[in-house]
N, C-alpha and C. Protein backbone atom coordinates (compact mmCIF):
# COMPACT_ATOMS: atom_id res chain seq x y z
N MET A 1 -21.05 -220.16 -5.15
CA MET A 1 -21.30 -218.82 -5.66
C MET A 1 -20.12 -217.94 -5.35
N ASN A 2 -19.56 -217.26 -6.37
CA ASN A 2 -18.41 -216.42 -6.10
C ASN A 2 -18.85 -215.00 -5.74
N SER A 3 -17.91 -214.14 -5.39
CA SER A 3 -18.27 -212.79 -4.90
C SER A 3 -18.94 -211.92 -5.96
N GLY A 4 -18.84 -212.27 -7.20
CA GLY A 4 -19.47 -211.47 -8.29
C GLY A 4 -20.92 -211.85 -8.54
N GLN A 5 -21.36 -212.98 -8.00
CA GLN A 5 -22.73 -213.43 -8.24
C GLN A 5 -23.70 -212.94 -7.17
N VAL A 6 -24.93 -212.76 -7.57
CA VAL A 6 -25.98 -212.34 -6.62
C VAL A 6 -26.87 -213.54 -6.38
N ALA A 7 -27.24 -213.74 -5.11
CA ALA A 7 -28.09 -214.87 -4.76
C ALA A 7 -29.47 -214.69 -5.41
N THR A 8 -29.97 -215.74 -6.02
CA THR A 8 -31.26 -215.66 -6.68
C THR A 8 -32.41 -216.10 -5.71
N HIS A 9 -32.02 -216.80 -4.64
CA HIS A 9 -33.04 -217.30 -3.71
C HIS A 9 -32.55 -217.04 -2.28
N ARG A 10 -33.51 -216.83 -1.37
CA ARG A 10 -33.16 -216.70 0.04
C ARG A 10 -32.99 -218.11 0.61
N ASN A 11 -31.99 -218.25 1.48
CA ASN A 11 -31.81 -219.54 2.17
C ASN A 11 -32.71 -219.55 3.40
N ARG A 12 -32.73 -220.69 4.07
CA ARG A 12 -33.57 -220.90 5.27
C ARG A 12 -33.29 -219.84 6.32
N ASP A 13 -31.97 -219.55 6.57
CA ASP A 13 -31.62 -218.59 7.61
C ASP A 13 -32.12 -217.15 7.25
N GLU A 14 -32.00 -216.84 5.97
CA GLU A 14 -32.44 -215.52 5.54
C GLU A 14 -33.95 -215.36 5.68
N ILE A 15 -34.68 -216.40 5.39
CA ILE A 15 -36.15 -216.39 5.58
C ILE A 15 -36.49 -216.27 7.07
N ALA A 16 -35.80 -217.04 7.89
CA ALA A 16 -36.01 -217.00 9.36
C ALA A 16 -35.72 -215.59 9.87
N ASP A 17 -34.65 -215.00 9.43
CA ASP A 17 -34.31 -213.64 9.88
C ASP A 17 -35.37 -212.62 9.43
N ALA A 18 -35.86 -212.78 8.23
CA ALA A 18 -36.90 -211.88 7.72
C ALA A 18 -38.19 -212.02 8.54
N ILE A 19 -38.53 -213.24 8.93
CA ILE A 19 -39.73 -213.48 9.73
C ILE A 19 -39.55 -212.86 11.12
N ARG A 20 -38.37 -213.02 11.70
CA ARG A 20 -38.08 -212.45 13.02
C ARG A 20 -38.19 -210.92 13.03
N THR A 21 -37.95 -210.32 11.94
CA THR A 21 -37.93 -208.82 11.87
C THR A 21 -39.18 -208.25 11.28
N LEU A 22 -40.25 -209.03 11.16
CA LEU A 22 -41.53 -208.47 10.63
C LEU A 22 -42.02 -207.36 11.53
N THR A 23 -42.54 -206.34 10.92
CA THR A 23 -43.09 -205.19 11.65
C THR A 23 -44.53 -205.51 12.07
N SER A 24 -45.10 -204.65 12.91
CA SER A 24 -46.49 -204.83 13.31
C SER A 24 -47.40 -204.73 12.09
N ALA A 25 -47.07 -203.85 11.17
CA ALA A 25 -47.84 -203.69 9.94
C ALA A 25 -47.74 -204.99 9.11
N ASP A 26 -46.56 -205.58 9.06
CA ASP A 26 -46.41 -206.87 8.34
C ASP A 26 -47.23 -207.96 8.94
N TRP A 27 -47.25 -208.04 10.28
CA TRP A 27 -48.06 -209.03 10.98
C TRP A 27 -49.55 -208.79 10.68
N ALA A 28 -49.96 -207.52 10.69
CA ALA A 28 -51.36 -207.24 10.42
C ALA A 28 -51.74 -207.68 8.99
N ARG A 29 -50.85 -207.40 8.03
CA ARG A 29 -51.11 -207.84 6.67
C ARG A 29 -51.19 -209.35 6.57
N LEU A 30 -50.29 -210.07 7.23
CA LEU A 30 -50.32 -211.51 7.20
C LEU A 30 -51.59 -212.07 7.83
N ARG A 31 -52.04 -211.48 8.95
CA ARG A 31 -53.27 -211.94 9.59
C ARG A 31 -54.47 -211.68 8.65
N LYS A 32 -54.44 -210.55 8.00
CA LYS A 32 -55.56 -210.24 7.07
C LYS A 32 -55.61 -211.24 5.94
N VAL A 33 -54.42 -211.57 5.37
CA VAL A 33 -54.34 -212.53 4.31
C VAL A 33 -54.83 -213.89 4.83
N ALA A 34 -54.39 -214.28 6.03
CA ALA A 34 -54.79 -215.59 6.60
C ALA A 34 -56.29 -215.64 6.79
N ASN A 35 -56.88 -214.54 7.26
CA ASN A 35 -58.35 -214.51 7.43
C ASN A 35 -59.03 -214.63 6.07
N TYR A 36 -58.49 -214.01 5.04
CA TYR A 36 -59.10 -214.02 3.71
C TYR A 36 -59.07 -215.47 3.14
N TYR A 37 -57.95 -216.16 3.29
CA TYR A 37 -57.81 -217.47 2.68
C TYR A 37 -58.25 -218.62 3.57
N ALA A 38 -58.58 -218.33 4.85
CA ALA A 38 -59.03 -219.40 5.77
C ALA A 38 -60.24 -220.12 5.20
N ARG A 39 -60.34 -221.38 5.49
CA ARG A 39 -61.45 -222.21 5.07
C ARG A 39 -61.94 -222.98 6.29
N PRO A 40 -63.13 -223.59 6.16
CA PRO A 40 -63.62 -224.40 7.30
C PRO A 40 -62.63 -225.46 7.73
N GLN A 41 -61.86 -226.01 6.80
CA GLN A 41 -60.93 -227.07 7.08
C GLN A 41 -59.61 -226.53 7.75
N ILE A 42 -59.27 -225.27 7.53
CA ILE A 42 -58.04 -224.69 8.06
C ILE A 42 -58.26 -223.27 8.44
N GLY A 43 -58.15 -223.00 9.72
CA GLY A 43 -58.39 -221.64 10.25
C GLY A 43 -57.22 -220.71 9.95
N PRO A 44 -57.44 -219.42 10.20
CA PRO A 44 -56.38 -218.43 9.90
C PRO A 44 -55.06 -218.63 10.63
N LYS A 45 -55.15 -219.00 11.91
CA LYS A 45 -53.90 -219.20 12.68
C LYS A 45 -53.12 -220.41 12.14
N ASP A 46 -53.88 -221.47 11.85
CA ASP A 46 -53.21 -222.69 11.35
C ASP A 46 -52.65 -222.44 9.95
N LEU A 47 -53.35 -221.65 9.15
CA LEU A 47 -52.88 -221.34 7.81
C LEU A 47 -51.57 -220.52 7.87
N LEU A 48 -51.52 -219.55 8.73
CA LEU A 48 -50.32 -218.74 8.88
C LEU A 48 -49.17 -219.62 9.41
N GLN A 49 -49.44 -220.45 10.39
CA GLN A 49 -48.40 -221.34 10.93
C GLN A 49 -47.90 -222.29 9.87
N GLU A 50 -48.78 -222.86 9.07
CA GLU A 50 -48.35 -223.76 8.03
C GLU A 50 -47.48 -223.03 6.97
N ALA A 51 -47.80 -221.78 6.69
CA ALA A 51 -46.98 -221.00 5.75
C ALA A 51 -45.57 -220.83 6.30
N PHE A 52 -45.45 -220.55 7.61
CA PHE A 52 -44.11 -220.42 8.24
C PHE A 52 -43.39 -221.76 8.14
N VAL A 53 -44.04 -222.86 8.48
CA VAL A 53 -43.42 -224.14 8.43
C VAL A 53 -42.91 -224.47 7.04
N ARG A 54 -43.72 -224.25 6.06
CA ARG A 54 -43.31 -224.56 4.69
C ARG A 54 -42.18 -223.65 4.19
N ALA A 55 -42.25 -222.35 4.61
CA ALA A 55 -41.23 -221.42 4.21
C ALA A 55 -39.86 -221.83 4.78
N LEU A 56 -39.88 -222.36 6.02
CA LEU A 56 -38.66 -222.73 6.66
C LEU A 56 -38.20 -224.17 6.32
N ASP A 57 -39.13 -224.92 5.76
CA ASP A 57 -38.77 -226.32 5.42
C ASP A 57 -38.44 -226.50 3.95
N GLY A 58 -38.10 -225.47 3.26
CA GLY A 58 -37.58 -225.66 1.93
C GLY A 58 -38.29 -225.02 0.76
N ARG A 59 -39.39 -224.30 1.00
CA ARG A 59 -39.99 -223.57 -0.13
C ARG A 59 -38.94 -222.58 -0.63
N THR A 60 -38.90 -222.37 -1.93
CA THR A 60 -37.94 -221.45 -2.51
C THR A 60 -38.51 -220.06 -2.59
N CYS A 61 -37.80 -219.13 -1.91
CA CYS A 61 -38.22 -217.73 -1.88
C CYS A 61 -37.20 -216.94 -2.72
N PRO A 62 -37.65 -216.45 -3.90
CA PRO A 62 -36.74 -215.62 -4.71
C PRO A 62 -36.25 -214.41 -3.88
N ALA A 63 -35.01 -214.04 -4.11
CA ALA A 63 -34.38 -212.98 -3.34
C ALA A 63 -35.05 -211.65 -3.57
N HIS A 64 -35.67 -211.43 -4.75
CA HIS A 64 -36.29 -210.13 -5.04
C HIS A 64 -37.72 -210.04 -4.53
N VAL A 65 -38.27 -211.15 -3.99
CA VAL A 65 -39.67 -211.12 -3.52
C VAL A 65 -39.69 -210.83 -2.01
N ASP A 66 -40.54 -209.87 -1.62
CA ASP A 66 -40.77 -209.54 -0.22
C ASP A 66 -41.28 -210.78 0.55
N VAL A 67 -40.75 -211.02 1.76
CA VAL A 67 -41.12 -212.21 2.52
C VAL A 67 -42.60 -212.20 2.85
N VAL A 68 -43.19 -211.05 3.11
CA VAL A 68 -44.65 -210.99 3.41
C VAL A 68 -45.42 -211.47 2.18
N LYS A 69 -45.04 -211.00 1.01
CA LYS A 69 -45.71 -211.46 -0.23
C LYS A 69 -45.51 -212.98 -0.42
N PHE A 70 -44.30 -213.42 -0.19
CA PHE A 70 -43.99 -214.84 -0.27
C PHE A 70 -44.86 -215.68 0.64
N LEU A 71 -45.01 -215.25 1.90
CA LEU A 71 -45.86 -215.97 2.87
C LEU A 71 -47.33 -215.92 2.47
N ALA A 72 -47.75 -214.76 1.97
CA ALA A 72 -49.16 -214.61 1.51
C ALA A 72 -49.47 -215.59 0.38
N GLU A 73 -48.52 -215.73 -0.56
CA GLU A 73 -48.71 -216.66 -1.64
C GLU A 73 -48.71 -218.11 -1.15
N ALA A 74 -47.86 -218.36 -0.15
CA ALA A 74 -47.83 -219.69 0.44
C ALA A 74 -49.18 -220.03 1.06
N MET A 75 -49.78 -219.04 1.77
CA MET A 75 -51.10 -219.27 2.39
C MET A 75 -52.17 -219.53 1.32
N ARG A 76 -52.10 -218.77 0.21
CA ARG A 76 -53.08 -219.00 -0.87
C ARG A 76 -52.93 -220.42 -1.39
N SER A 77 -51.71 -220.84 -1.60
CA SER A 77 -51.45 -222.18 -2.15
C SER A 77 -51.91 -223.25 -1.17
N ILE A 78 -51.65 -223.08 0.10
CA ILE A 78 -52.09 -224.06 1.11
C ILE A 78 -53.62 -224.15 1.14
N ALA A 79 -54.27 -222.97 1.13
CA ALA A 79 -55.74 -222.98 1.16
C ALA A 79 -56.32 -223.66 -0.09
N ASP A 80 -55.73 -223.39 -1.25
CA ASP A 80 -56.20 -224.08 -2.48
C ASP A 80 -56.00 -225.56 -2.34
N GLY A 81 -54.87 -226.00 -1.80
CA GLY A 81 -54.65 -227.42 -1.65
C GLY A 81 -55.65 -228.06 -0.68
N GLU A 82 -55.99 -227.37 0.40
CA GLU A 82 -56.99 -227.88 1.33
C GLU A 82 -58.37 -227.96 0.64
N GLY A 83 -58.67 -226.98 -0.19
CA GLY A 83 -59.94 -227.00 -0.91
C GLY A 83 -60.02 -228.17 -1.88
N GLU A 84 -58.92 -228.48 -2.53
CA GLU A 84 -58.89 -229.62 -3.43
C GLU A 84 -59.06 -230.93 -2.68
N LYS A 85 -58.47 -231.02 -1.47
CA LYS A 85 -58.64 -232.22 -0.68
C LYS A 85 -60.13 -232.47 -0.37
N VAL A 86 -60.83 -231.39 -0.07
CA VAL A 86 -62.26 -231.51 0.26
C VAL A 86 -63.04 -231.96 -0.96
N GLU A 87 -62.70 -231.38 -2.11
CA GLU A 87 -63.40 -231.76 -3.36
C GLU A 87 -63.27 -233.24 -3.68
N HIS A 88 -62.12 -233.81 -3.34
CA HIS A 88 -61.84 -235.22 -3.73
C HIS A 88 -62.05 -236.20 -2.57
N ARG A 89 -62.57 -235.74 -1.49
CA ARG A 89 -62.78 -236.55 -0.30
C ARG A 89 -64.10 -237.27 -0.44
N LEU A 90 -64.15 -238.49 0.01
CA LEU A 90 -65.43 -239.23 0.05
C LEU A 90 -66.29 -238.59 1.17
N PRO A 91 -67.55 -238.40 0.96
CA PRO A 91 -68.40 -237.80 1.97
C PRO A 91 -68.60 -238.75 3.13
N LEU A 92 -68.51 -238.21 4.37
CA LEU A 92 -68.75 -239.00 5.58
C LEU A 92 -70.18 -238.77 5.97
N VAL A 93 -70.88 -239.85 6.24
CA VAL A 93 -72.27 -239.75 6.58
C VAL A 93 -72.43 -240.25 8.01
N SER A 94 -73.12 -239.50 8.84
CA SER A 94 -73.35 -239.89 10.21
C SER A 94 -74.13 -241.19 10.30
N ILE A 95 -73.64 -242.12 11.13
CA ILE A 95 -74.35 -243.38 11.30
C ILE A 95 -75.71 -243.18 11.89
N VAL A 96 -75.79 -242.23 12.82
CA VAL A 96 -77.09 -241.95 13.44
C VAL A 96 -78.09 -241.50 12.41
N ALA A 97 -77.65 -240.69 11.48
CA ALA A 97 -78.57 -240.18 10.44
C ALA A 97 -79.05 -241.32 9.53
N LYS A 98 -78.26 -242.32 9.34
CA LYS A 98 -78.63 -243.46 8.44
C LYS A 98 -79.50 -244.48 9.15
N THR A 99 -79.13 -244.81 10.43
CA THR A 99 -79.80 -245.87 11.12
C THR A 99 -80.81 -245.42 12.13
N GLY A 100 -80.69 -244.17 12.58
CA GLY A 100 -81.61 -243.68 13.61
C GLY A 100 -81.10 -243.94 15.01
N GLU A 101 -79.99 -244.70 15.14
CA GLU A 101 -79.41 -244.99 16.45
C GLU A 101 -77.90 -245.11 16.31
N ALA A 102 -77.23 -244.78 17.42
CA ALA A 102 -75.78 -244.88 17.42
C ALA A 102 -75.38 -246.37 17.63
N LEU A 103 -74.50 -246.85 16.83
CA LEU A 103 -74.01 -248.23 16.97
C LEU A 103 -72.81 -248.19 17.88
N PRO A 104 -72.73 -249.05 18.92
CA PRO A 104 -71.67 -248.97 19.91
C PRO A 104 -70.28 -249.13 19.35
N LYS A 105 -70.06 -250.00 18.36
CA LYS A 105 -68.74 -250.27 17.81
C LYS A 105 -68.36 -249.39 16.65
N ALA A 106 -69.28 -248.58 16.19
CA ALA A 106 -69.02 -247.73 15.02
C ALA A 106 -68.60 -246.35 15.46
N VAL A 107 -67.77 -245.75 14.63
CA VAL A 107 -67.36 -244.37 14.88
C VAL A 107 -68.37 -243.45 14.19
N ASN A 108 -68.90 -242.51 14.91
CA ASN A 108 -69.91 -241.62 14.33
C ASN A 108 -69.25 -240.28 14.00
N TYR A 109 -68.81 -240.14 12.77
CA TYR A 109 -68.15 -238.92 12.33
C TYR A 109 -69.16 -237.89 11.89
N PRO A 110 -69.08 -236.64 12.39
CA PRO A 110 -69.91 -235.62 11.86
C PRO A 110 -69.31 -235.16 10.52
N ASP A 111 -70.10 -234.67 9.62
CA ASP A 111 -69.59 -234.18 8.33
C ASP A 111 -68.98 -232.79 8.58
N PRO A 112 -67.63 -232.63 8.47
CA PRO A 112 -66.98 -231.37 8.80
C PRO A 112 -67.15 -230.32 7.72
N ALA A 113 -67.50 -230.70 6.53
CA ALA A 113 -67.59 -229.72 5.44
C ALA A 113 -68.94 -229.05 5.45
N LEU A 114 -68.93 -227.74 5.41
CA LEU A 114 -70.16 -226.97 5.27
C LEU A 114 -70.59 -226.98 3.82
N SER A 115 -71.87 -226.96 3.59
CA SER A 115 -72.36 -226.83 2.22
C SER A 115 -72.09 -225.36 1.82
N ALA A 116 -72.17 -225.11 0.53
CA ALA A 116 -71.95 -223.73 0.04
C ALA A 116 -72.98 -222.79 0.68
N GLU A 117 -74.19 -223.25 0.79
CA GLU A 117 -75.27 -222.44 1.39
C GLU A 117 -74.96 -222.12 2.86
N ASP A 118 -74.57 -223.17 3.62
CA ASP A 118 -74.25 -222.96 5.03
C ASP A 118 -73.06 -222.00 5.19
N TRP A 119 -72.06 -222.16 4.32
CA TRP A 119 -70.90 -221.28 4.35
C TRP A 119 -71.30 -219.83 4.10
N LEU A 120 -72.14 -219.62 3.11
CA LEU A 120 -72.62 -218.27 2.78
C LEU A 120 -73.41 -217.68 3.97
N ILE A 121 -74.27 -218.51 4.58
CA ILE A 121 -75.04 -218.05 5.74
C ILE A 121 -74.11 -217.64 6.86
N ASP A 122 -73.10 -218.49 7.15
CA ASP A 122 -72.11 -218.17 8.19
C ASP A 122 -71.39 -216.87 7.89
N GLU A 123 -70.96 -216.67 6.63
CA GLU A 123 -70.26 -215.47 6.23
C GLU A 123 -71.17 -214.26 6.40
N GLU A 124 -72.45 -214.38 6.01
CA GLU A 124 -73.38 -213.30 6.14
C GLU A 124 -73.60 -212.92 7.60
N GLU A 125 -73.77 -213.92 8.46
CA GLU A 125 -73.96 -213.69 9.86
C GLU A 125 -72.71 -213.00 10.49
N ALA A 126 -71.55 -213.46 10.11
CA ALA A 126 -70.32 -212.87 10.58
C ALA A 126 -70.19 -211.41 10.14
N GLY A 127 -70.55 -211.13 8.90
CA GLY A 127 -70.55 -209.75 8.42
C GLY A 127 -71.53 -208.85 9.18
N LEU A 128 -72.71 -209.41 9.42
CA LEU A 128 -73.74 -208.65 10.18
C LEU A 128 -73.25 -208.39 11.60
N LEU A 129 -72.68 -209.37 12.24
CA LEU A 129 -72.17 -209.17 13.61
C LEU A 129 -71.06 -208.07 13.57
N ARG A 130 -70.17 -208.17 12.64
CA ARG A 130 -69.09 -207.21 12.53
C ARG A 130 -69.64 -205.77 12.37
N ARG A 131 -70.60 -205.63 11.43
CA ARG A 131 -71.17 -204.31 11.20
C ARG A 131 -71.91 -203.79 12.45
N ASN A 132 -72.64 -204.66 13.12
CA ASN A 132 -73.38 -204.24 14.34
C ASN A 132 -72.42 -203.82 15.44
N ILE A 133 -71.37 -204.57 15.62
CA ILE A 133 -70.42 -204.21 16.70
C ILE A 133 -69.70 -202.91 16.34
N LEU A 134 -69.26 -202.76 15.12
CA LEU A 134 -68.55 -201.50 14.71
C LEU A 134 -69.50 -200.30 14.80
N ALA A 135 -70.78 -200.48 14.47
CA ALA A 135 -71.73 -199.38 14.53
C ALA A 135 -71.91 -198.87 15.97
N ASN A 136 -71.68 -199.74 16.93
CA ASN A 136 -71.76 -199.40 18.32
C ASN A 136 -70.67 -198.42 18.74
N PHE A 137 -69.65 -198.24 17.90
CA PHE A 137 -68.54 -197.34 18.19
C PHE A 137 -68.40 -196.20 17.18
N ASP A 138 -69.50 -195.86 16.50
CA ASP A 138 -69.46 -194.78 15.53
C ASP A 138 -69.05 -193.47 16.14
N ASP A 139 -69.33 -193.28 17.41
CA ASP A 139 -68.99 -192.01 18.11
C ASP A 139 -67.55 -191.99 18.67
N ASP A 140 -66.81 -193.10 18.49
CA ASP A 140 -65.49 -193.18 19.05
C ASP A 140 -64.54 -193.89 18.04
N PRO A 141 -63.90 -193.10 17.17
CA PRO A 141 -63.07 -193.68 16.10
C PRO A 141 -61.89 -194.49 16.64
N VAL A 142 -61.30 -194.12 17.78
CA VAL A 142 -60.20 -194.87 18.32
C VAL A 142 -60.68 -196.27 18.73
N ALA A 143 -61.83 -196.32 19.43
CA ALA A 143 -62.37 -197.59 19.85
C ALA A 143 -62.73 -198.45 18.62
N GLN A 144 -63.26 -197.80 17.58
CA GLN A 144 -63.62 -198.50 16.37
C GLN A 144 -62.39 -199.15 15.73
N ILE A 145 -61.30 -198.40 15.68
CA ILE A 145 -60.03 -198.91 15.15
C ILE A 145 -59.55 -200.11 15.96
N MET A 146 -59.66 -199.96 17.28
CA MET A 146 -59.20 -201.06 18.15
C MET A 146 -60.09 -202.32 17.95
N VAL A 147 -61.40 -202.13 17.83
CA VAL A 147 -62.31 -203.25 17.63
C VAL A 147 -61.99 -203.95 16.32
N GLU A 148 -61.76 -203.17 15.26
CA GLU A 148 -61.37 -203.78 13.98
C GLU A 148 -60.08 -204.59 14.13
N GLY A 149 -59.12 -204.05 14.87
CA GLY A 149 -57.88 -204.76 15.11
C GLY A 149 -58.08 -206.02 15.90
N MET A 150 -59.00 -205.98 16.87
CA MET A 150 -59.27 -207.19 17.67
C MET A 150 -59.92 -208.24 16.79
N MET A 151 -60.77 -207.81 15.85
CA MET A 151 -61.40 -208.74 14.94
C MET A 151 -60.40 -209.39 14.01
N GLU A 152 -59.32 -208.67 13.76
CA GLU A 152 -58.18 -209.21 12.91
C GLU A 152 -57.19 -209.95 13.81
N GLU A 153 -57.50 -210.15 15.09
CA GLU A 153 -56.66 -210.93 16.01
C GLU A 153 -55.32 -210.30 16.25
N MET A 154 -55.27 -208.96 16.31
CA MET A 154 -54.01 -208.27 16.61
C MET A 154 -53.83 -208.36 18.13
N ASN A 155 -52.57 -208.42 18.57
CA ASN A 155 -52.26 -208.47 19.99
C ASN A 155 -52.26 -207.06 20.58
N ALA A 156 -52.12 -206.98 21.92
CA ALA A 156 -52.21 -205.67 22.62
C ALA A 156 -51.16 -204.69 22.12
N GLU A 157 -49.94 -205.15 21.91
CA GLU A 157 -48.87 -204.24 21.47
C GLU A 157 -49.23 -203.65 20.11
N GLU A 158 -49.71 -204.49 19.23
CA GLU A 158 -50.07 -204.03 17.86
C GLU A 158 -51.26 -203.06 17.96
N LEU A 159 -52.20 -203.33 18.82
CA LEU A 159 -53.35 -202.45 18.97
C LEU A 159 -52.94 -201.09 19.55
N ARG A 160 -52.06 -201.10 20.49
CA ARG A 160 -51.56 -199.81 21.06
C ARG A 160 -50.83 -199.02 20.00
N GLU A 161 -50.03 -199.68 19.21
CA GLU A 161 -49.33 -199.01 18.10
C GLU A 161 -50.29 -198.45 17.08
N LEU A 162 -51.30 -199.29 16.72
CA LEU A 162 -52.28 -198.89 15.74
C LEU A 162 -53.11 -197.72 16.24
N SER A 163 -53.53 -197.71 17.51
CA SER A 163 -54.37 -196.67 18.05
C SER A 163 -53.63 -195.45 18.57
N GLY A 164 -52.30 -195.63 18.79
CA GLY A 164 -51.51 -194.51 19.30
C GLY A 164 -51.75 -194.27 20.80
N LEU A 165 -52.25 -195.25 21.52
CA LEU A 165 -52.53 -195.07 22.95
C LEU A 165 -51.43 -195.66 23.81
N ASP A 166 -51.19 -195.03 24.97
CA ASP A 166 -50.24 -195.63 25.88
C ASP A 166 -50.98 -196.75 26.65
N LYS A 167 -50.26 -197.46 27.52
CA LYS A 167 -50.84 -198.65 28.18
C LYS A 167 -52.07 -198.29 29.00
N THR A 168 -52.04 -197.21 29.75
CA THR A 168 -53.14 -196.83 30.63
C THR A 168 -54.37 -196.50 29.79
N ALA A 169 -54.17 -195.64 28.78
CA ALA A 169 -55.28 -195.23 27.91
C ALA A 169 -55.85 -196.42 27.13
N TYR A 170 -54.94 -197.33 26.74
CA TYR A 170 -55.35 -198.52 26.03
C TYR A 170 -56.24 -199.41 26.91
N ASP A 171 -55.80 -199.64 28.18
CA ASP A 171 -56.55 -200.44 29.10
C ASP A 171 -57.94 -199.86 29.38
N SER A 172 -57.98 -198.51 29.50
CA SER A 172 -59.32 -197.85 29.70
C SER A 172 -60.21 -198.03 28.50
N LYS A 173 -59.63 -197.90 27.31
CA LYS A 173 -60.43 -198.04 26.08
C LYS A 173 -60.91 -199.49 25.94
N ARG A 174 -60.10 -200.46 26.31
CA ARG A 174 -60.53 -201.89 26.25
C ARG A 174 -61.72 -202.12 27.17
N LYS A 175 -61.67 -201.51 28.37
CA LYS A 175 -62.78 -201.69 29.32
C LYS A 175 -64.05 -201.10 28.76
N LEU A 176 -63.93 -199.91 28.11
CA LEU A 176 -65.11 -199.24 27.50
C LEU A 176 -65.64 -200.17 26.38
N ILE A 177 -64.77 -200.70 25.57
CA ILE A 177 -65.21 -201.58 24.47
C ILE A 177 -65.95 -202.79 25.08
N ARG A 178 -65.37 -203.43 26.05
CA ARG A 178 -65.98 -204.63 26.66
C ARG A 178 -67.32 -204.29 27.23
N ARG A 179 -67.45 -203.16 27.95
CA ARG A 179 -68.75 -202.75 28.54
C ARG A 179 -69.81 -202.57 27.47
N ARG A 180 -69.46 -201.87 26.39
CA ARG A 180 -70.43 -201.62 25.33
C ARG A 180 -70.88 -202.89 24.63
N ILE A 181 -69.94 -203.79 24.40
CA ILE A 181 -70.31 -205.05 23.72
C ILE A 181 -71.15 -205.91 24.67
N ASP A 182 -70.78 -205.95 25.97
CA ASP A 182 -71.59 -206.71 26.91
C ASP A 182 -73.01 -206.14 27.01
N LYS A 183 -73.10 -204.80 26.96
CA LYS A 183 -74.41 -204.16 27.04
C LYS A 183 -75.23 -204.47 25.79
N GLN A 184 -74.57 -204.43 24.63
CA GLN A 184 -75.25 -204.71 23.36
C GLN A 184 -75.65 -206.13 23.23
N TYR A 185 -74.83 -207.07 23.75
CA TYR A 185 -75.12 -208.50 23.62
C TYR A 185 -74.96 -209.18 24.99
N PRO A 186 -75.89 -208.90 25.95
CA PRO A 186 -75.74 -209.46 27.31
C PRO A 186 -75.80 -211.00 27.33
N GLU A 187 -76.44 -211.59 26.35
CA GLU A 187 -76.53 -213.04 26.32
C GLU A 187 -75.72 -213.61 25.15
N GLY A 188 -74.81 -212.83 24.60
CA GLY A 188 -74.03 -213.27 23.47
C GLY A 188 -74.76 -212.99 22.14
N TRP A 189 -74.09 -213.21 21.05
CA TRP A 189 -74.61 -212.91 19.73
C TRP A 189 -75.69 -213.91 19.36
N LYS A 190 -76.86 -213.40 18.94
CA LYS A 190 -77.93 -214.28 18.47
C LYS A 190 -78.36 -213.72 17.11
N PRO A 191 -78.14 -214.47 16.03
CA PRO A 191 -78.49 -213.98 14.69
C PRO A 191 -79.99 -213.85 14.52
């Protein structure tokens, strides 16, 4: 490429530099996208990690495309690919379910795929839990923001930035949040 040409794609080093300089807001967006595209076969953290690996191992990122958008599209593609694997996979049936007893030399695989109905039930229960926990902080908008950030798996630094709290105020608010949740669910969440 001569000095008059403009690069049409980012190289590996440019992608790595862009990832290193992601802002807290960029990380929050990526986590949100990972949570959205996560499937029972691939969790949000694994999905995000796989997007980074593929981005650095040779996926082509056009120079005009924002790296966050590029990684979000990579996560969508990975999740779609995982979904297709599940569709074309032979079903595994538990030996115990077929024979009534475990056979010593046989491997007893549980079926890892949730049925559509089970997946919907899990999603509904997760939404109910989220609403119940957030409702517990209706009187404290800062705590509510922090709880939402925790649900999106933001780290302490990102939560402090999001809430605008210094370390001492943040630590106090975390204790308040923990006490309220423990009081609301002393034995853990029961749907």
